[in-house]
C-alpha cells in the first residue's frame, strides 16, 4: 500500500500532553511510523478571535475553507475531522466530490 497524505482537524489547542490533541499526536506518530504523511489543523490554524458562543457555527465553515485551500495546494488522500465539527464538511462533500474523503474521529468517555 502506498503512503497516504492525511489531514487531521480538531478545534482544540495544540497540546501534545493532554486531551484530544494528545490522542491525535500519539495516533499520528503511529501513522507516521507506518510511512504516512500527517498534517494537523488545530485551533491555532483555524483562526482565533471567534466568540465562544459562535464557534460551533463559524469553525466548521472555516474548516471547509481551509481544507479546500490546503487540498488545492497539496492533495490529501483523506481528511479526518473531530466529530463535533464534521457535519458541514460531510454535507459539502455530498455536492463537491473533489473534496477528499472524510473520516469522523470521536474521542470521549460515555457517561
C-alpha atoms as a PDB file:
ATOM      1  CA  UNK A   1       0.000   0.000   0.000  1.00  0.00           C
ATOM      2  CA  UNK A   2       1.294   3.452  -0.855  1.00  0.00           C
ATOM      3  CA  UNK A   3       1.695   6.027   1.922  1.00  0.00           C
ATOM      4  CA  UNK A   4      -1.306   8.286   2.490  1.00  0.00           C
ATOM      5  CA  UNK A   5      -1.407  12.060   2.932  1.00  0.00           C
ATOM      6  CA  UNK A   6      -3.737  12.636   5.875  1.00  0.00           C
ATOM      7  CA  UNK A   7      -5.137  15.946   7.147  1.00  0.00           C
ATOM      8  CA  UNK A   8      -6.390  15.757  10.745  1.00  0.00           C
ATOM      9  CA  UNK A   9      -8.592  18.565  12.094  1.00  0.00           C
ATOM     10  CA  UNK A  10      -9.842  19.490  15.577  1.00  0.00           C
ATOM     11  CA  UNK A  11     -10.866  22.788  17.148  1.00  0.00           C
ATOM     12  CA  UNK A  12      -8.692  22.322  20.208  1.00  0.00           C
ATOM     13  CA  UNK A  13      -5.400  23.931  21.179  1.00  0.00           C
ATOM     14  CA  UNK A  14      -2.301  22.031  20.104  1.00  0.00           C
ATOM     15  CA  UNK A  15      -1.017  20.446  23.307  1.00  0.00           C
ATOM     16  CA  UNK A  16       0.701  17.106  22.882  1.00  0.00           C
ATOM     17  CA  UNK A  17       0.297  16.292  26.561  1.00  0.00           C
ATOM     18  CA  UNK A  18      -3.442  16.332  27.263  1.00  0.00           C
ATOM     19  CA  UNK A  19      -6.898  15.605  25.931  1.00  0.00           C
ATOM     20  CA  UNK A  20      -7.869  15.361  22.294  1.00  0.00           C
ATOM     21  CA  UNK A  21      -4.580  16.686  20.925  1.00  0.00           C
ATOM     22  CA  UNK A  22      -2.630  14.102  22.897  1.00  0.00           C
ATOM     23  CA  UNK A  23      -4.675  11.351  21.279  1.00  0.00           C
ATOM     24  CA  UNK A  24      -4.214  12.936  17.856  1.00  0.00           C
ATOM     25  CA  UNK A  25      -0.450  13.311  18.256  1.00  0.00           C
ATOM     26  CA  UNK A  26       0.015   9.772  19.581  1.00  0.00           C
ATOM     27  CA  UNK A  27      -2.016   8.222  16.761  1.00  0.00           C
ATOM     28  CA  UNK A  28      -0.292  10.490  14.215  1.00  0.00           C
ATOM     29  CA  UNK A  29       3.056   9.246  15.485  1.00  0.00           C
ATOM     30  CA  UNK A  30       1.877   5.703  14.742  1.00  0.00           C
ATOM     31  CA  UNK A  31       0.685   6.677  11.270  1.00  0.00           C
ATOM     32  CA  UNK A  32       3.985   8.403  10.518  1.00  0.00           C
ATOM     33  CA  UNK A  33       5.816   5.318  11.768  1.00  0.00           C
ATOM     34  CA  UNK A  34       3.975   3.378   9.069  1.00  0.00           C
ATOM     35  CA  UNK A  35       5.204   5.856   6.443  1.00  0.00           C
ATOM     36  CA  UNK A  36       2.138   8.088   6.095  1.00  0.00           C
ATOM     37  CA  UNK A  37       2.314  11.891   5.970  1.00  0.00           C
ATOM     38  CA  UNK A  38       0.134  13.599   8.577  1.00  0.00           C
ATOM     39  CA  UNK A  39      -0.757  17.296   8.754  1.00  0.00           C
ATOM     40  CA  UNK A  40      -2.705  18.796  11.667  1.00  0.00           C
ATOM     41  CA  UNK A  41      -5.108  21.727  11.790  1.00  0.00           C
ATOM     42  CA  UNK A  42      -5.754  22.824  15.359  1.00  0.00           C
ATOM     43  CA  UNK A  43      -7.460  25.877  16.825  1.00  0.00           C
ATOM     44  CA  UNK A  44      -4.340  27.975  16.221  1.00  0.00           C
ATOM     45  CA  UNK A  45      -4.603  27.179  12.475  1.00  0.00           C
ATOM     46  CA  UNK A  46      -8.334  27.817  12.244  1.00  0.00           C
ATOM     47  CA  UNK A  47      -8.054  31.428  13.304  1.00  0.00           C
ATOM     48  CA  UNK A  48      -8.762  32.625  16.738  1.00  0.00           C
ATOM     49  CA  UNK A  49     -10.885  35.614  17.550  1.00  0.00           C
ATOM     50  CA  UNK A  50     -14.248  33.953  17.127  1.00  0.00           C
ATOM     51  CA  UNK A  51     -16.570  34.469  20.109  1.00  0.00           C
ATOM     52  CA  UNK A  52     -17.002  31.177  22.006  1.00  0.00           C
ATOM     53  CA  UNK A  53     -20.779  31.218  21.604  1.00  0.00           C
ATOM     54  CA  UNK A  54     -20.401  31.283  17.795  1.00  0.00           C
ATOM     55  CA  UNK A  55     -17.550  28.736  17.420  1.00  0.00           C
ATOM     56  CA  UNK A  56     -19.866  25.791  16.723  1.00  0.00           C
ATOM     57  CA  UNK A  57     -21.217  27.648  13.678  1.00  0.00           C
ATOM     58  CA  UNK A  58     -18.154  29.535  12.435  1.00  0.00           C
ATOM     59  CA  UNK A  59     -15.382  26.957  12.840  1.00  0.00           C
ATOM     60  CA  UNK A  60     -16.955  24.223  10.644  1.00  0.00           C
ATOM     61  CA  UNK A  61     -17.123  26.757   7.785  1.00  0.00           C
ATOM     62  CA  UNK A  62     -13.519  27.774   8.439  1.00  0.00           C
ATOM     63  CA  UNK A  63     -12.540  24.105   8.314  1.00  0.00           C
ATOM     64  CA  UNK A  64     -14.211  23.641   4.945  1.00  0.00           C
ATOM     65  CA  UNK A  65     -12.440  26.716   3.601  1.00  0.00           C
ATOM     66  CA  UNK A  66      -9.067  25.604   4.989  1.00  0.00           C
ATOM     67  CA  UNK A  67      -9.429  22.091   3.566  1.00  0.00           C
ATOM     68  CA  UNK A  68     -10.315  23.473   0.131  1.00  0.00           C
ATOM     69  CA  UNK A  69      -7.250  25.739   0.185  1.00  0.00           C
ATOM     70  CA  UNK A  70      -4.828  23.128   1.530  1.00  0.00           C
ATOM     71  CA  UNK A  71      -6.125  20.392  -0.775  1.00  0.00           C
ATOM     72  CA  UNK A  72      -5.658  22.671  -3.797  1.00  0.00           C
ATOM     73  CA  UNK A  73      -2.057  23.355  -2.730  1.00  0.00           C
ATOM     74  CA  UNK A  74      -1.153  19.825  -1.737  1.00  0.00           C
ATOM     75  CA  UNK A  75      -3.527  16.935  -2.403  1.00  0.00           C
ATOM     76  CA  UNK A  76      -4.730  14.885   0.581  1.00  0.00           C
ATOM     77  CA  UNK A  77      -5.965  11.310   0.387  1.00  0.00           C
ATOM     78  CA  UNK A  78      -8.249  11.685   3.393  1.00  0.00           C
ATOM     79  CA  UNK A  79      -9.393  14.307   5.895  1.00  0.00           C
ATOM     80  CA  UNK A  80     -10.104  13.287   9.469  1.00  0.00           C
ATOM     81  CA  UNK A  81     -12.318  15.709  11.392  1.00  0.00           C
ATOM     82  CA  UNK A  82     -13.125  15.684  15.093  1.00  0.00           C
ATOM     83  CA  UNK A  83     -16.776  14.681  15.358  1.00  0.00           C
ATOM     84  CA  UNK A  84     -18.460  17.892  16.598  1.00  0.00           C
ATOM     85  CA  UNK A  85     -17.202  19.748  13.508  1.00  0.00           C
ATOM     86  CA  UNK A  86     -17.727  17.231  10.711  1.00  0.00           C
ATOM     87  CA  UNK A  87     -21.332  17.877   9.592  1.00  0.00           C
ATOM     88  CA  UNK A  88     -20.621  20.897   7.365  1.00  0.00           C
ATOM     89  CA  UNK A  89     -17.705  19.156   5.638  1.00  0.00           C
ATOM     90  CA  UNK A  90     -19.712  15.946   5.126  1.00  0.00           C
ATOM     91  CA  UNK A  91     -22.630  17.897   3.633  1.00  0.00           C
ATOM     92  CA  UNK A  92     -20.285  19.844   1.335  1.00  0.00           C
ATOM     93  CA  UNK A  93     -18.663  16.625   0.141  1.00  0.00           C
ATOM     94  CA  UNK A  94     -22.057  15.282  -0.987  1.00  0.00           C
ATOM     95  CA  UNK A  95     -22.125  18.089  -3.555  1.00  0.00           C
ATOM     96  CA  UNK A  96     -18.388  18.507  -4.182  1.00  0.00           C
ATOM     97  CA  UNK A  97     -16.736  15.144  -4.763  1.00  0.00           C
ATOM     98  CA  UNK A  98     -13.395  16.850  -5.451  1.00  0.00           C
ATOM     99  CA  UNK A  99     -13.018  17.214  -1.678  1.00  0.00           C
ATOM    100  CA  UNK A 100     -11.063  14.359  -0.100  1.00  0.00           C
ATOM    101  CA  UNK A 101     -12.975  11.557   1.632  1.00  0.00           C
ATOM    102  CA  UNK A 102     -13.675  12.183   5.297  1.00  0.00           C
ATOM    103  CA  UNK A 103     -13.198  10.137   8.456  1.00  0.00           C
ATOM    104  CA  UNK A 104     -15.026  11.318  11.542  1.00  0.00           C
ATOM    105  CA  UNK A 105     -13.000  10.968  14.726  1.00  0.00           C
ATOM    106  CA  UNK A 106     -14.811  10.773  18.065  1.00  0.00           C
ATOM    107  CA  UNK A 107     -12.914  10.888  21.350  1.00  0.00           C
ATOM    108  CA  UNK A 108     -14.595  10.851  24.702  1.00  0.00           C
ATOM    109  CA  UNK A 109     -15.967   8.850  27.545  1.00  0.00           C
ATOM    110  CA  UNK A 110     -19.557   7.759  27.617  1.00  0.00           C
ATOM    111  CA  UNK A 111     -21.467   8.540  30.809  1.00  0.00           C
END
